[in-house]
Amino acid sequence: MPAAAPESPGLDLSLNEQERSLLLGLLERELQDTHVEARRTENPRFQEMVHQEEAILRGLIGKLRRP
């Protein structure tokens, strides 16, 4: 069994409200586009990759929505 990859250090990012709002909007639009892309593809490998991207986008959006 391979050893677990070491966790990379986190990234702290300071955003003002305008920057946070813009980034959140961009990520939400990308999530919508990615969802459409996943539904249109018939390639299972590509579809899995797109689903992984969706999960990452949802995580980022959740973090930006937190107060």
Protein backbone atom coordinates (compact mmCIF):
# COMPACT_ATOMS: atom_id res chain seq x y z
CA MET A 1 0.00 0.00 0.00
CA PRO A 2 1.53 3.37 -0.99
CA ALA A 3 2.21 5.94 1.70
CA ALA A 4 -0.26 8.77 2.00
CA ALA A 5 0.84 11.97 0.32
CA PRO A 6 1.82 14.63 2.82
CA GLU A 7 -0.71 17.42 3.20
CA SER A 8 0.35 20.66 1.66
CA PRO A 9 0.15 23.73 3.86
CA GLY A 10 -3.04 25.76 3.62
CA LEU A 11 -3.28 29.07 1.86
CA ASP A 12 -4.57 32.16 3.60
CA LEU A 13 -6.11 34.75 1.34
CA SER A 14 -7.47 38.10 2.42
CA LEU A 15 -10.27 39.48 0.29
CA ASN A 16 -12.41 42.56 0.68
CA GLU A 17 -16.17 42.16 0.22
CA GLN A 18 -16.11 43.24 -3.43
CA GLU A 19 -13.35 40.74 -4.27
CA ARG A 20 -15.11 37.96 -2.35
CA SER A 21 -18.39 38.65 -4.14
CA LEU A 22 -16.74 38.67 -7.56
CA LEU A 23 -14.82 35.46 -6.90
CA LEU A 24 -17.95 33.77 -5.57
CA GLY A 25 -19.89 34.74 -8.70
CA LEU A 26 -17.15 33.44 -10.98
CA LEU A 27 -16.97 30.13 -9.13
CA GLU A 28 -20.76 29.72 -9.20
CA ARG A 29 -20.85 30.31 -12.96
CA GLU A 30 -18.01 27.83 -13.45
CA LEU A 31 -19.91 25.28 -11.38
CA GLN A 32 -22.97 25.70 -13.60
CA ASP A 33 -20.86 25.31 -16.74
CA THR A 34 -19.12 22.27 -15.30
CA HIS A 35 -22.44 20.65 -14.42
CA VAL A 36 -23.65 21.08 -18.02
CA GLU A 37 -20.35 19.73 -19.33
CA ALA A 38 -20.61 16.63 -17.13
CA ARG A 39 -24.10 15.88 -18.40
CA ARG A 40 -23.11 16.25 -22.05
CA THR A 41 -20.05 14.02 -22.10
CA GLU A 42 -20.20 10.31 -22.76
CA ASN A 43 -16.56 9.66 -21.82
CA PRO A 44 -16.55 8.12 -18.32
CA ARG A 45 -13.02 9.27 -17.49
CA PHE A 46 -13.76 12.84 -18.50
CA GLN A 47 -17.06 12.74 -16.63
CA GLU A 48 -15.27 11.59 -13.46
CA MET A 49 -12.74 14.40 -13.82
CA VAL A 50 -15.54 16.92 -14.21
CA HIS A 51 -17.31 15.54 -11.12
CA GLN A 52 -14.10 15.97 -9.14
CA GLU A 53 -13.87 19.57 -10.32
CA GLU A 54 -17.49 20.11 -9.28
CA ALA A 55 -16.70 18.86 -5.79
CA ILE A 56 -13.74 21.24 -5.51
CA LEU A 57 -15.83 24.16 -6.76
CA ARG A 58 -18.59 23.38 -4.25
CA GLY A 59 -16.00 23.33 -1.46
CA LEU A 60 -14.56 26.68 -2.50
CA ILE A 61 -18.01 28.22 -2.81
CA GLY A 62 -18.91 26.94 0.65
CA LYS A 63 -15.78 28.49 2.12
CA LEU A 64 -16.50 31.86 0.50
CA ARG A 65 -20.10 31.87 1.73
CA ARG A 66 -19.05 31.45 5.36
CA PRO A 67 -19.12 34.68 7.38
